[in-house]
Amino acid sequence: MPGTLNTERAITAQNARRIACDAEILPIVLGGDSLPLAVGRAKRTAPIHIRAALLRRDGVCAFPGCDRPPGTPEAHHVQHWVDGGRTDLDNMVMLCGHHHRTLHNQRWDITMRDGRPEFIPPPTVDPRRTPRPGGRALPARHRVYLRELIPAPRGPAGES
């Protein structure tokens, strides 16, 4: 049954999953008395060491042919976290915001082959659903841009 937003527009379960995909949301199942029956796993978002490994493997976006400028890459679960997917390198892929939305809206599938993501287009894009290898080396101009975003290390509090 779809819920509603404060705009009174309906929101489907699929849209709720897409919105929550990279958000810090912890699902809680409530009983009729509004007491928690089940609390989801606390580590849904990728910790920094997994994000670093994803960036090294996938670059900013693993979607085939992505040439978008770097922004804030999003760690996406291949098998959705709410469906029991693990938050680890073998079940995650780095995507730019545009391709993360494309993946959810057009219903692309992802499989992992030899530790690398493979993208399977929906029938509306490719009726034969031919798998396309994902991941690419991060272009040098993007590496420089990302390096500039890393803050300088700070000393202990009180030091200048």
C-alpha atoms as a PDB file:
ATOM      1  CA  MET A   1       0.000   0.000   0.000  1.00  0.00           C
ATOM      2  CA  PRO A   2       1.569   3.315  -0.990  1.00  0.00           C
ATOM      3  CA  GLY A   3       2.195   5.993   1.626  1.00  0.00           C
ATOM      4  CA  THR A   4       1.814   9.717   1.085  1.00  0.00           C
ATOM      5  CA  LEU A   5       4.154  12.675   1.346  1.00  0.00           C
ATOM      6  CA  ASN A   6       3.187  15.920   3.056  1.00  0.00           C
ATOM      7  CA  THR A   7       2.143  17.074  -0.429  1.00  0.00           C
ATOM      8  CA  GLU A   8      -0.547  14.345  -0.369  1.00  0.00           C
ATOM      9  CA  ARG A   9       1.105  12.697  -3.383  1.00  0.00           C
ATOM     10  CA  ALA A  10       1.391   8.904  -3.214  1.00  0.00           C
ATOM     11  CA  ILE A  11       4.815   7.299  -2.853  1.00  0.00           C
ATOM     12  CA  THR A  12       5.353   3.681  -3.848  1.00  0.00           C
ATOM     13  CA  ALA A  13       7.589   1.194  -2.045  1.00  0.00           C
ATOM     14  CA  GLN A  14       9.937   1.315  -5.051  1.00  0.00           C
ATOM     15  CA  ASN A  15      10.290   5.107  -4.782  1.00  0.00           C
ATOM     16  CA  ALA A  16      10.811   4.881  -1.025  1.00  0.00           C
ATOM     17  CA  ARG A  17      13.661   2.376  -1.603  1.00  0.00           C
ATOM     18  CA  ARG A  18      15.257   4.658  -4.192  1.00  0.00           C
ATOM     19  CA  ILE A  19      15.049   7.665  -1.868  1.00  0.00           C
ATOM     20  CA  ALA A  20      16.453   5.681   1.054  1.00  0.00           C
ATOM     21  CA  CYS A  21      19.147   3.921  -0.973  1.00  0.00           C
ATOM     22  CA  ASP A  22      22.014   6.148   0.150  1.00  0.00           C
ATOM     23  CA  ALA A  23      20.322   7.838   3.116  1.00  0.00           C
ATOM     24  CA  GLU A  24      21.032   7.183   6.775  1.00  0.00           C
ATOM     25  CA  ILE A  25      17.698   5.459   7.373  1.00  0.00           C
ATOM     26  CA  LEU A  26      17.213   2.534   9.723  1.00  0.00           C
ATOM     27  CA  PRO A  27      14.016   0.566   9.060  1.00  0.00           C
ATOM     28  CA  ILE A  28      11.938  -0.344  12.106  1.00  0.00           C
ATOM     29  CA  VAL A  29       8.900  -2.629  11.991  1.00  0.00           C
ATOM     30  CA  LEU A  30       6.223  -1.565  14.476  1.00  0.00           C
ATOM     31  CA  GLY A  31       3.404  -3.667  15.913  1.00  0.00           C
ATOM     32  CA  GLY A  32      -0.204  -2.520  16.388  1.00  0.00           C
ATOM     33  CA  ASP A  33       0.763  -0.936  19.710  1.00  0.00           C
ATOM     34  CA  SER A  34       3.522   1.120  17.969  1.00  0.00           C
ATOM     35  CA  LEU A  35       6.281  -0.788  19.747  1.00  0.00           C
ATOM     36  CA  PRO A  36       9.261  -2.019  17.675  1.00  0.00           C
ATOM     37  CA  LEU A  37       9.000  -5.621  16.507  1.00  0.00           C
ATOM     38  CA  ALA A  38      12.226  -5.620  14.478  1.00  0.00           C
ATOM     39  CA  VAL A  39      15.045  -3.144  13.976  1.00  0.00           C
ATOM     40  CA  GLY A  40      17.075  -3.303  10.757  1.00  0.00           C
ATOM     41  CA  ARG A  41      20.834  -3.779  10.538  1.00  0.00           C
ATOM     42  CA  ALA A  42      22.694  -0.696  11.738  1.00  0.00           C
ATOM     43  CA  LYS A  43      25.485  -0.739   9.127  1.00  0.00           C
ATOM     44  CA  ARG A  44      23.653  -0.026   5.889  1.00  0.00           C
ATOM     45  CA  THR A  45      25.825   2.785   4.570  1.00  0.00           C
ATOM     46  CA  ALA A  46      29.300   1.942   3.300  1.00  0.00           C
ATOM     47  CA  PRO A  47      32.052   2.770   5.802  1.00  0.00           C
ATOM     48  CA  ILE A  48      34.995   4.818   4.567  1.00  0.00           C
ATOM     49  CA  HIS A  49      37.286   1.842   3.857  1.00  0.00           C
ATOM     50  CA  ILE A  50      34.651   0.202   1.621  1.00  0.00           C
ATOM     51  CA  ARG A  51      33.951   3.509  -0.139  1.00  0.00           C
ATOM     52  CA  ALA A  52      37.703   3.885  -0.779  1.00  0.00           C
ATOM     53  CA  ALA A  53      37.864   0.374  -2.256  1.00  0.00           C
ATOM     54  CA  LEU A  54      34.768   1.078  -4.398  1.00  0.00           C
ATOM     55  CA  LEU A  55      36.316   4.313  -5.711  1.00  0.00           C
ATOM     56  CA  ARG A  56      39.511   2.457  -6.571  1.00  0.00           C
ATOM     57  CA  ARG A  57      37.626  -0.334  -8.359  1.00  0.00           C
ATOM     58  CA  ASP A  58      34.802   1.672 -10.018  1.00  0.00           C
ATOM     59  CA  GLY A  59      35.979   5.257 -10.156  1.00  0.00           C
ATOM     60  CA  VAL A  60      33.295   7.847  -9.456  1.00  0.00           C
ATOM     61  CA  CYS A  61      30.693   5.898 -11.453  1.00  0.00           C
ATOM     62  CA  ALA A  62      30.788   2.305 -12.706  1.00  0.00           C
ATOM     63  CA  PHE A  63      27.839   2.758 -15.093  1.00  0.00           C
ATOM     64  CA  PRO A  64      28.976   1.849 -18.627  1.00  0.00           C
ATOM     65  CA  GLY A  65      30.167   4.886 -20.552  1.00  0.00           C
ATOM     66  CA  CYS A  66      29.618   7.414 -17.752  1.00  0.00           C
ATOM     67  CA  ASP A  67      31.446  10.629 -18.566  1.00  0.00           C
ATOM     68  CA  ARG A  68      29.770  12.898 -16.046  1.00  0.00           C
ATOM     69  CA  PRO A  69      32.007  15.169 -13.961  1.00  0.00           C
ATOM     70  CA  PRO A  70      32.740  13.940 -10.465  1.00  0.00           C
ATOM     71  CA  GLY A  71      30.317  14.929  -7.772  1.00  0.00           C
ATOM     72  CA  THR A  72      29.481  13.026  -4.649  1.00  0.00           C
ATOM     73  CA  PRO A  73      29.592   9.355  -5.624  1.00  0.00           C
ATOM     74  CA  GLU A  74      26.909   7.122  -4.132  1.00  0.00           C
ATOM     75  CA  ALA A  75      27.544   3.573  -2.913  1.00  0.00           C
ATOM     76  CA  HIS A  76      24.704   1.396  -4.232  1.00  0.00           C
ATOM     77  CA  HIS A  77      23.825  -2.107  -3.016  1.00  0.00           C
ATOM     78  CA  VAL A  78      23.527  -4.650  -5.870  1.00  0.00           C
ATOM     79  CA  GLN A  79      21.092  -6.666  -3.733  1.00  0.00           C
ATOM     80  CA  HIS A  80      19.171  -3.987  -1.830  1.00  0.00           C
ATOM     81  CA  TRP A  81      20.019  -3.702   1.840  1.00  0.00           C
ATOM     82  CA  VAL A  82      16.347  -3.915   2.844  1.00  0.00           C
ATOM     83  CA  ASP A  83      16.177  -7.237   0.986  1.00  0.00           C
ATOM     84  CA  GLY A  84      19.097  -8.690   2.953  1.00  0.00           C
ATOM     85  CA  GLY A  85      21.952  -7.341   0.820  1.00  0.00           C
ATOM     86  CA  ARG A  86      25.308  -7.052   2.560  1.00  0.00           C
ATOM     87  CA  THR A  87      27.232  -3.797   2.901  1.00  0.00           C
ATOM     88  CA  ASP A  88      30.474  -5.093   1.452  1.00  0.00           C
ATOM     89  CA  LEU A  89      32.603  -4.720  -1.659  1.00  0.00           C
ATOM     90  CA  ASP A  90      31.106  -7.771  -3.387  1.00  0.00           C
ATOM     91  CA  ASN A  91      27.571  -6.354  -3.125  1.00  0.00           C
ATOM     92  CA  MET A  92      28.182  -2.684  -3.834  1.00  0.00           C
ATOM     93  CA  VAL A  93      28.934  -0.428  -6.771  1.00  0.00           C
ATOM     94  CA  MET A  94      29.824   3.261  -6.981  1.00  0.00           C
ATOM     95  CA  LEU A  95      27.458   5.417  -9.065  1.00  0.00           C
ATOM     96  CA  CYS A  96      27.092   9.105  -9.836  1.00  0.00           C
ATOM     97  CA  GLY A  97      23.728  10.594  -8.815  1.00  0.00           C
ATOM     98  CA  HIS A  98      22.433  10.633 -12.403  1.00  0.00           C
ATOM     99  CA  HIS A  99      23.145   6.951 -13.038  1.00  0.00           C
ATOM    100  CA  HIS A 100      21.929   5.955  -9.567  1.00  0.00           C
ATOM    101  CA  ARG A 101      18.537   7.466 -10.450  1.00  0.00           C
ATOM    102  CA  THR A 102      18.674   5.916 -13.951  1.00  0.00           C
ATOM    103  CA  LEU A 103      19.331   2.489 -12.433  1.00  0.00           C
ATOM    104  CA  HIS A 104      16.290   2.737 -10.151  1.00  0.00           C
ATOM    105  CA  ASN A 105      13.920   4.506 -12.555  1.00  0.00           C
ATOM    106  CA  GLN A 106      14.594   2.322 -15.592  1.00  0.00           C
ATOM    107  CA  ARG A 107      15.083  -0.897 -13.595  1.00  0.00           C
ATOM    108  CA  TRP A 108      18.564  -1.885 -14.678  1.00  0.00           C
ATOM    109  CA  ASP A 109      19.978  -5.007 -13.019  1.00  0.00           C
ATOM    110  CA  ILE A 110      23.530  -5.450 -11.771  1.00  0.00           C
ATOM    111  CA  THR A 111      25.428  -8.683 -11.285  1.00  0.00           C
ATOM    112  CA  MET A 112      28.990  -9.156 -10.114  1.00  0.00           C
ATOM    113  CA  ARG A 113      31.324 -11.104 -12.428  1.00  0.00           C
ATOM    114  CA  ASP A 114      34.859 -11.801 -11.238  1.00  0.00           C
ATOM    115  CA  GLY A 115      34.550  -9.076  -8.601  1.00  0.00           C
ATOM    116  CA  ARG A 116      33.447  -6.379 -11.078  1.00  0.00           C
ATOM    117  CA  PRO A 117      29.956  -4.967 -11.732  1.00  0.00           C
ATOM    118  CA  GLU A 118      28.099  -5.920 -14.880  1.00  0.00           C
ATOM    119  CA  PHE A 119      25.024  -3.910 -15.884  1.00  0.00           C
ATOM    120  CA  ILE A 120      22.002  -5.543 -17.517  1.00  0.00           C
ATOM    121  CA  PRO A 121      19.729  -3.064 -19.292  1.00  0.00           C
ATOM    122  CA  PRO A 122      15.945  -3.286 -19.097  1.00  0.00           C
ATOM    123  CA  PRO A 123      14.077  -4.590 -22.184  1.00  0.00           C
ATOM    124  CA  THR A 124      13.115  -1.006 -23.061  1.00  0.00           C
ATOM    125  CA  VAL A 125      16.815  -0.193 -23.602  1.00  0.00           C
ATOM    126  CA  ASP A 126      17.965  -3.563 -25.011  1.00  0.00           C
ATOM    127  CA  PRO A 127      15.336  -6.261 -25.729  1.00  0.00           C
ATOM    128  CA  ARG A 128      18.040  -8.963 -25.504  1.00  0.00           C
ATOM    129  CA  ARG A 129      19.270  -7.538 -22.169  1.00  0.00           C
ATOM    130  CA  THR A 130      22.905  -7.920 -23.163  1.00  0.00           C
ATOM    131  CA  PRO A 131      25.157  -7.501 -20.070  1.00  0.00           C
ATOM    132  CA  ARG A 132      27.554  -4.547 -20.210  1.00  0.00           C
ATOM    133  CA  PRO A 133      30.756  -4.451 -18.175  1.00  0.00           C
ATOM    134  CA  GLY A 134      30.915  -1.630 -15.691  1.00  0.00           C
ATOM    135  CA  GLY A 135      33.676   0.168 -13.923  1.00  0.00           C
ATOM    136  CA  ARG A 136      36.381   2.227 -15.504  1.00  0.00           C
ATOM    137  CA  ALA A 137      39.605   3.856 -14.605  1.00  0.00           C
ATOM    138  CA  LEU A 138      39.105   7.264 -13.084  1.00  0.00           C
ATOM    139  CA  PRO A 139      40.214   9.927 -15.616  1.00  0.00           C
ATOM    140  CA  ALA A 140      43.243  11.937 -14.482  1.00  0.00           C
ATOM    141  CA  ARG A 141      41.276  15.223 -14.426  1.00  0.00           C
ATOM    142  CA  HIS A 142      38.734  13.664 -12.061  1.00  0.00           C
ATOM    143  CA  ARG A 143      41.462  12.268  -9.776  1.00  0.00           C
ATOM    144  CA  VAL A 144      42.978  15.755  -9.480  1.00  0.00           C
ATOM    145  CA  TYR A 145      39.549  17.264  -8.752  1.00  0.00           C
ATOM    146  CA  LEU A 146      38.816  14.650  -6.056  1.00  0.00           C
ATOM    147  CA  ARG A 147      42.285  15.042  -4.517  1.00  0.00           C
ATOM    148  CA  GLU A 148      41.620  18.783  -4.121  1.00  0.00           C
ATOM    149  CA  LEU A 149      38.451  17.995  -2.133  1.00  0.00           C
ATOM    150  CA  ILE A 150      40.330  16.004   0.530  1.00  0.00           C
ATOM    151  CA  PRO A 151      40.815  18.237   3.569  1.00  0.00           C
ATOM    152  CA  ALA A 152      44.312  18.676   5.019  1.00  0.00           C
ATOM    153  CA  PRO A 153      44.945  16.645   8.182  1.00  0.00           C
ATOM    154  CA  ARG A 154      44.365  18.584  11.390  1.00  0.00           C
ATOM    155  CA  GLY A 155      46.369  18.333  14.554  1.00  0.00           C
ATOM    156  CA  PRO A 156      44.882  17.719  18.004  1.00  0.00           C
ATOM    157  CA  ALA A 157      42.444  20.305  19.373  1.00  0.00           C
ATOM    158  CA  GLY A 158      44.171  23.416  20.645  1.00  0.00           C
ATOM    159  CA  GLU A 159      47.071  23.268  18.172  1.00  0.00           C
ATOM    160  CA  SER A 160      47.272  25.900  15.441  1.00  0.00           C
END
